[in-house]
Amino acid sequence: MTKVLVATEKPFAKAAVDGIRKVVEEAGFQLVLLEKYTAQNDLLKAVADVDALIIRSDKATKEVIEAGKILKIIVRAGAGYDNVDLVAATEKGIVVMNTPGQNSNAVAELAIGMMLFMARGNFKGISGTELKGKKLGIHAYGNVGKIVAQIAKGFGMQVFAFDPFVAKEQIEKDGVKVLNTVEELYSTCNYVSLHIPANEKTKSTINFDLLSKMPKGGTLVNTARKEVICEDSLKSIFAARDDFKYITDIAPACHSELSALENRYYATPKKQGAETSEANINAGIAAAKQIVGFVKSGNKTFQVNK
């Protein structure tokens, strides 16, 4: 019998687990739960005899992958998958998938909420500004960026986007103006919402040169990954400009240095993007369905280690 392990240091909501169980058991598979584990060794033992693995922010390291003696598929319930060692998985012939789009609305709503938070002086009762009429730049027009644009237009913002991997016509049909370079995006927009993945081509690319192009009072909103920000550049831009603002749900290593910058910097205590009950349920059930599709019919639609 195919065994599916759900390994979550931070567990899914009960409704999500119930949904996963229903999908798995209706397929004739067995569900194994490892929740709130505190030691890596617990995961290594649990993965030893399972065919499939579902994780959230848990790390599927090379050691974990090697411990999965009969492991055939790993699904990261969420969009990002930098917590999976793709090289190790590929070497063992293990398919790795994510669940794109399932958390998108939750992340997009958080990004807009963060803009409001910064625009209104961190809700401290001081005079702030409005989003209406301001220029918003979407850096990467994927599932999340598209929804951010839709919500922002409802606030009356002017929305721009830069994404060389999405057809200009596709973006423009949403009423969003396409800019030709990333430099133009940052120099044009009062707010930039960051949605690029963390990989070897993007890490530390949000640097001083780029940030310094933002207009006075420019605000960078990061619900993507902290690795895409060059932290030395982040510290430098705060030192060079007393008007620059940054808000994120992934605290940088220099968080303690920046936390004294009142009303200019804010980081949530933990990553918040996908932390809604709806996203939790959607991503978990999608992961289970993708495993069933892969095992029963070889469906690899969302494979990320091709």
Protein backbone atom coordinates (compact mmCIF):
# COMPACT_ATOMS: atom_id res chain seq x y z
CA MET A 1 0.00 0.00 0.00
CA THR A 2 1.26 3.48 -0.88
CA LYS A 3 2.16 5.41 2.28
CA VAL A 4 1.95 9.21 2.40
CA LEU A 5 3.76 11.04 5.19
CA VAL A 6 2.66 14.53 6.22
CA ALA A 7 5.63 15.92 8.15
CA THR A 8 4.87 19.32 9.62
CA GLU A 9 6.81 20.90 12.45
CA LYS A 10 4.10 23.56 12.27
CA PRO A 11 0.97 21.45 11.62
CA PHE A 12 -1.77 22.01 9.11
CA ALA A 13 -5.14 23.08 10.50
CA LYS A 14 -7.39 20.18 11.47
CA ALA A 15 -9.67 20.88 8.50
CA ALA A 16 -6.66 20.60 6.18
CA VAL A 17 -5.54 17.30 7.75
CA ASP A 18 -9.08 15.95 7.47
CA GLY A 19 -9.17 16.95 3.79
CA ILE A 20 -5.77 15.37 3.12
CA ARG A 21 -6.81 12.18 4.85
CA LYS A 22 -10.01 11.97 2.79
CA VAL A 23 -8.11 12.35 -0.50
CA VAL A 24 -5.39 9.88 0.51
CA GLU A 25 -7.65 7.18 1.93
CA GLU A 26 -10.19 7.39 -0.90
CA ALA A 27 -7.29 6.63 -3.22
CA GLY A 28 -6.56 3.48 -1.20
CA PHE A 29 -3.39 4.92 0.33
CA GLN A 30 -2.28 5.10 3.96
CA LEU A 31 -1.73 8.44 5.70
CA VAL A 32 1.05 8.86 8.27
CA LEU A 33 1.25 12.03 10.39
CA LEU A 34 4.36 13.51 11.98
CA GLU A 35 3.32 16.78 13.63
CA LYS A 36 5.16 19.19 15.94
CA TYR A 37 8.33 17.14 15.80
CA THR A 38 11.31 18.70 17.54
CA ALA A 39 14.23 16.62 16.32
CA GLN A 40 15.51 15.99 12.80
CA ASN A 41 15.94 12.35 13.71
CA ASP A 42 12.17 12.02 14.09
CA LEU A 43 11.74 13.02 10.44
CA LEU A 44 14.55 10.71 9.32
CA LYS A 45 12.83 7.74 10.98
CA ALA A 46 9.36 8.64 9.69
CA VAL A 47 10.45 9.07 6.06
CA ALA A 48 12.28 5.73 5.91
CA ASP A 49 9.37 3.62 4.70
CA VAL A 50 7.01 6.02 2.90
CA ASP A 51 6.39 6.52 -0.79
CA ALA A 52 5.36 10.18 -0.66
CA LEU A 53 6.09 13.18 1.55
CA ILE A 54 4.11 16.38 2.11
CA ILE A 55 5.85 19.27 3.90
CA ARG A 56 5.22 22.93 4.60
CA SER A 57 8.28 24.96 5.66
CA ASP A 58 10.04 21.81 6.84
CA LYS A 59 13.41 21.14 5.22
CA ALA A 60 13.77 18.16 2.91
CA THR A 61 17.56 18.10 3.09
CA LYS A 62 19.91 15.66 1.39
CA GLU A 63 19.96 13.67 4.63
CA VAL A 64 16.17 13.44 4.70
CA ILE A 65 16.04 12.47 1.03
CA GLU A 66 18.66 9.76 1.50
CA ALA A 67 16.71 8.43 4.48
CA GLY A 68 13.64 8.01 2.29
CA LYS A 69 14.56 4.58 0.99
CA ILE A 70 11.42 4.16 -1.17
CA LEU A 71 10.49 7.83 -1.49
CA LYS A 72 9.16 8.70 -4.95
CA ILE A 73 7.63 12.16 -4.57
CA ILE A 74 7.91 15.20 -2.30
CA VAL A 75 5.27 17.92 -2.42
CA ARG A 76 5.89 21.26 -0.78
CA ALA A 77 2.46 22.61 0.18
CA GLY A 78 3.03 26.17 -1.00
CA ALA A 79 4.64 28.07 -3.84
CA GLY A 80 8.27 28.32 -2.74
CA TYR A 81 10.40 25.17 -2.70
CA ASP A 82 13.86 26.37 -1.67
CA ASN A 83 13.50 24.20 1.46
CA VAL A 84 13.91 21.09 -0.71
CA ASP A 85 17.32 19.90 -1.91
CA LEU A 86 16.41 19.57 -5.58
CA VAL A 87 19.80 18.22 -6.59
CA ALA A 88 19.67 15.39 -4.06
CA ALA A 89 16.08 14.59 -5.02
CA THR A 90 16.86 14.53 -8.74
CA GLU A 91 19.87 12.28 -8.20
CA LYS A 92 17.59 9.74 -6.49
CA GLY A 93 14.91 10.05 -9.15
CA ILE A 94 12.45 11.66 -6.74
CA VAL A 95 9.87 14.00 -8.21
CA VAL A 96 9.50 17.33 -6.36
CA MET A 97 6.38 19.45 -6.73
CA ASN A 98 4.94 22.63 -5.26
CA THR A 99 1.30 23.74 -5.13
CA PRO A 100 1.32 27.06 -7.02
CA GLY A 101 -1.61 29.39 -6.61
CA GLN A 102 -3.05 27.83 -3.47
CA ASN A 103 -1.59 30.49 -1.14
CA SER A 104 -1.71 33.35 -3.63
CA ASN A 105 -4.68 35.28 -2.32
CA ALA A 106 -3.45 35.06 1.26
CA VAL A 107 -0.02 36.44 0.31
CA ALA A 108 -1.52 39.16 -1.88
CA GLU A 109 -3.85 40.38 0.86
CA LEU A 110 -0.90 40.48 3.28
CA ALA A 111 1.14 42.58 0.82
CA ILE A 112 -1.66 45.13 0.54
CA GLY A 113 -2.13 45.12 4.31
CA MET A 114 1.56 45.85 4.74
CA MET A 115 1.32 48.83 2.39
CA LEU A 116 -1.55 50.23 4.46
CA PHE A 117 0.41 49.61 7.66
CA MET A 118 3.40 51.60 6.41
CA ALA A 119 1.30 54.32 4.78
CA ARG A 120 -0.54 54.94 8.04
CA GLY A 121 2.49 55.22 10.28
CA ASN A 122 2.36 51.69 11.68
CA PHE A 123 -1.13 52.42 13.06
CA LYS A 124 0.28 54.64 15.81
CA GLY A 125 -2.23 57.43 15.31
CA ILE A 126 0.11 59.76 13.45
CA SER A 127 -0.76 61.43 10.15
CA GLY A 128 -0.10 59.18 7.17
CA THR A 129 -0.80 58.95 3.46
CA GLU A 130 -3.33 57.18 1.26
CA LEU A 131 -2.75 54.45 -1.31
CA LYS A 132 -5.14 56.04 -3.79
CA GLY A 133 -3.29 57.59 -6.69
CA LYS A 134 0.07 56.13 -5.69
CA LYS A 135 2.15 54.09 -8.13
CA LEU A 136 2.59 50.40 -7.31
CA GLY A 137 5.19 48.25 -8.99
CA ILE A 138 4.73 44.48 -9.15
CA HIS A 139 8.13 42.80 -9.38
CA ALA A 140 7.20 39.43 -10.94
CA TYR A 141 3.68 39.05 -12.27
CA GLY A 142 2.86 35.51 -11.22
CA ASN A 143 -0.12 34.19 -9.27
CA VAL A 144 0.46 36.49 -6.29
CA GLY A 145 1.47 39.55 -8.27
CA LYS A 146 -1.64 39.32 -10.40
CA ILE A 147 -3.91 39.35 -7.34
CA VAL A 148 -1.96 42.19 -5.71
CA ALA A 149 -2.57 44.20 -8.88
CA GLN A 150 -6.31 43.46 -8.80
CA ILE A 151 -6.67 44.54 -5.17
CA ALA A 152 -4.49 47.63 -5.64
CA LYS A 153 -6.63 48.80 -8.53
CA GLY A 154 -9.59 48.67 -6.17
CA PHE A 155 -7.76 51.17 -3.98
CA GLY A 156 -7.28 53.44 -6.97
CA MET A 157 -3.55 52.83 -7.30
CA GLN A 158 -1.71 53.08 -10.61
CA VAL A 159 -0.27 49.63 -11.20
CA PHE A 160 2.91 48.78 -13.11
CA ALA A 161 4.73 45.48 -13.56
CA PHE A 162 8.04 44.03 -14.65
CA ASP A 163 8.30 40.36 -15.52
CA PRO A 164 10.35 39.24 -18.54
CA PHE A 165 8.80 35.78 -18.32
CA VAL A 166 5.18 36.87 -18.76
CA ALA A 167 3.87 38.12 -22.11
CA LYS A 168 3.27 41.87 -22.22
CA GLU A 169 -0.20 41.34 -23.66
CA GLN A 170 -1.15 39.05 -20.78
CA ILE A 171 -0.28 41.72 -18.21
CA GLU A 172 -1.80 44.61 -20.12
CA LYS A 173 -5.17 42.88 -20.43
CA ASP A 174 -5.42 43.20 -16.63
CA GLY A 175 -5.11 46.96 -16.94
CA VAL A 176 -1.51 46.94 -15.73
CA LYS A 177 1.22 48.95 -17.47
CA VAL A 178 4.32 46.94 -18.39
CA LEU A 179 7.74 48.49 -17.81
CA ASN A 180 10.72 47.33 -19.82
CA THR A 181 13.40 47.15 -17.13
CA VAL A 182 13.56 46.45 -13.42
CA GLU A 183 15.34 49.79 -12.97
CA GLU A 184 12.39 51.59 -14.54
CA LEU A 185 10.02 49.80 -12.17
CA TYR A 186 11.88 50.93 -9.07
CA SER A 187 12.43 54.50 -10.27
CA THR A 188 8.76 54.89 -11.21
CA CYS A 189 6.88 53.45 -8.26
CA ASN A 190 6.11 54.68 -4.74
CA TYR A 191 5.57 51.08 -3.65
CA VAL A 192 7.22 47.95 -5.00
CA SER A 193 5.75 44.56 -4.09
CA LEU A 194 8.35 41.84 -4.46
CA HIS A 195 7.35 38.37 -5.70
CA ILE A 196 10.47 36.87 -7.28
CA PRO A 197 11.67 33.39 -6.21
CA ALA A 198 14.98 32.81 -4.46
CA ASN A 199 17.45 31.09 -6.77
CA GLU A 200 21.01 31.53 -7.96
CA LYS A 201 19.94 34.20 -10.45
CA THR A 202 17.90 36.27 -7.99
CA LYS A 203 19.70 36.07 -4.64
CA SER A 204 20.92 39.49 -3.42
CA THR A 205 19.74 41.17 -6.63
CA ILE A 206 17.65 43.73 -4.75
CA ASN A 207 20.64 45.94 -4.01
CA PHE A 208 21.56 49.51 -3.16
CA ASP A 209 21.65 50.67 -6.76
CA LEU A 210 18.12 49.44 -7.35
CA LEU A 211 16.68 50.67 -4.06
CA SER A 212 18.28 54.09 -4.41
CA LYS A 213 16.23 54.65 -7.58
CA MET A 214 12.95 54.64 -5.66
CA PRO A 215 11.13 57.99 -5.32
CA LYS A 216 11.13 59.90 -2.04
CA GLY A 217 9.18 57.93 0.57
CA GLY A 218 9.50 54.77 -1.50
CA THR A 219 8.37 51.57 0.24
CA LEU A 220 9.56 48.05 -0.57
CA VAL A 221 7.19 45.24 0.42
CA ASN A 222 8.71 41.76 0.56
CA THR A 223 6.48 38.72 0.96
CA ALA A 224 8.78 36.63 -1.23
CA ARG A 225 12.12 35.46 0.22
CA LYS A 226 14.72 37.24 2.34
CA GLU A 227 17.55 35.83 0.22
CA VAL A 228 16.68 38.06 -2.73
CA ILE A 229 17.57 41.14 -0.65
CA CYS A 230 21.22 42.17 -0.37
CA GLU A 231 21.31 42.89 3.36
CA ASP A 232 24.40 45.11 3.22
CA SER A 233 22.59 47.21 0.62
CA LEU A 234 19.50 47.30 2.82
CA LYS A 235 21.51 48.73 5.71
CA SER A 236 23.23 51.17 3.36
CA ILE A 237 20.00 52.53 1.86
CA PHE A 238 18.58 53.17 5.33
CA ALA A 239 21.78 55.04 6.23
CA ALA A 240 21.76 57.05 3.01
CA ARG A 241 18.05 57.93 2.96
CA ASP A 242 15.83 58.79 5.89
CA ASP A 243 12.69 58.47 3.74
CA PHE A 244 13.08 54.85 2.56
CA LYS A 245 10.76 52.22 4.05
CA TYR A 246 10.87 48.43 4.10
CA ILE A 247 8.32 45.93 5.38
CA THR A 248 8.56 42.15 5.19
CA ASP A 249 7.25 38.92 6.64
CA ILE A 250 10.73 37.37 6.54
CA ALA A 251 13.01 39.14 9.01
CA PRO A 252 16.55 39.69 7.65
CA ALA A 253 19.65 38.73 9.62
CA CYS A 254 20.17 42.43 10.35
CA HIS A 255 16.72 42.71 11.94
CA SER A 256 18.03 43.81 15.34
CA GLU A 257 20.03 46.61 13.71
CA LEU A 258 17.03 47.89 11.78
CA SER A 259 14.32 47.47 14.40
CA ALA A 260 15.09 50.88 15.92
CA LEU A 261 14.09 52.60 12.66
CA GLU A 262 10.65 53.65 13.85
CA ASN A 263 7.95 53.82 11.15
CA ARG A 264 10.51 52.98 8.44
CA TYR A 265 11.12 49.27 8.98
CA TYR A 266 8.91 46.43 10.13
CA ALA A 267 9.19 42.64 10.05
CA THR A 268 6.53 40.26 11.27
CA PRO A 269 7.64 37.82 14.02
CA LYS A 270 7.14 34.85 11.66
CA LYS A 271 6.46 34.34 7.98
CA GLN A 272 2.81 35.24 7.51
CA GLY A 273 2.08 34.99 3.80
CA ALA A 274 0.26 31.67 3.73
CA GLU A 275 -1.05 31.83 7.29
CA THR A 276 -4.78 31.81 6.65
CA SER A 277 -7.10 28.90 7.24
CA GLU A 278 -8.16 29.00 3.60
CA ALA A 279 -4.60 28.83 2.25
CA ASN A 280 -3.70 26.14 4.75
CA ILE A 281 -6.56 23.92 3.60
CA ASN A 282 -6.11 24.66 -0.11
CA ALA A 283 -2.38 23.88 -0.19
CA GLY A 284 -2.65 20.70 1.88
CA ILE A 285 -5.46 19.19 -0.15
CA ALA A 286 -3.79 20.21 -3.42
CA ALA A 287 -0.60 18.44 -2.30
CA ALA A 288 -2.55 15.25 -1.55
CA LYS A 289 -4.34 15.34 -4.90
CA GLN A 290 -1.07 15.83 -6.75
CA ILE A 291 0.42 12.77 -5.04
CA VAL A 292 -2.60 10.66 -5.98
CA GLY A 293 -2.40 11.89 -9.57
CA PHE A 294 1.31 11.11 -9.75
CA VAL A 295 1.07 7.62 -8.24
CA LYS A 296 -2.02 6.53 -10.16
CA SER A 297 -1.42 8.12 -13.56
CA GLY A 298 2.10 9.55 -13.56
CA ASN A 299 0.87 13.17 -13.62
CA LYS A 300 3.88 15.51 -13.16
CA THR A 301 2.19 18.81 -13.95
CA PHE A 302 3.68 20.71 -11.02
CA GLN A 303 7.12 19.11 -11.00
CA VAL A 304 9.86 21.65 -10.24
CA ASN A 305 12.99 19.50 -10.67
CA LYS A 306 12.58 18.64 -14.35
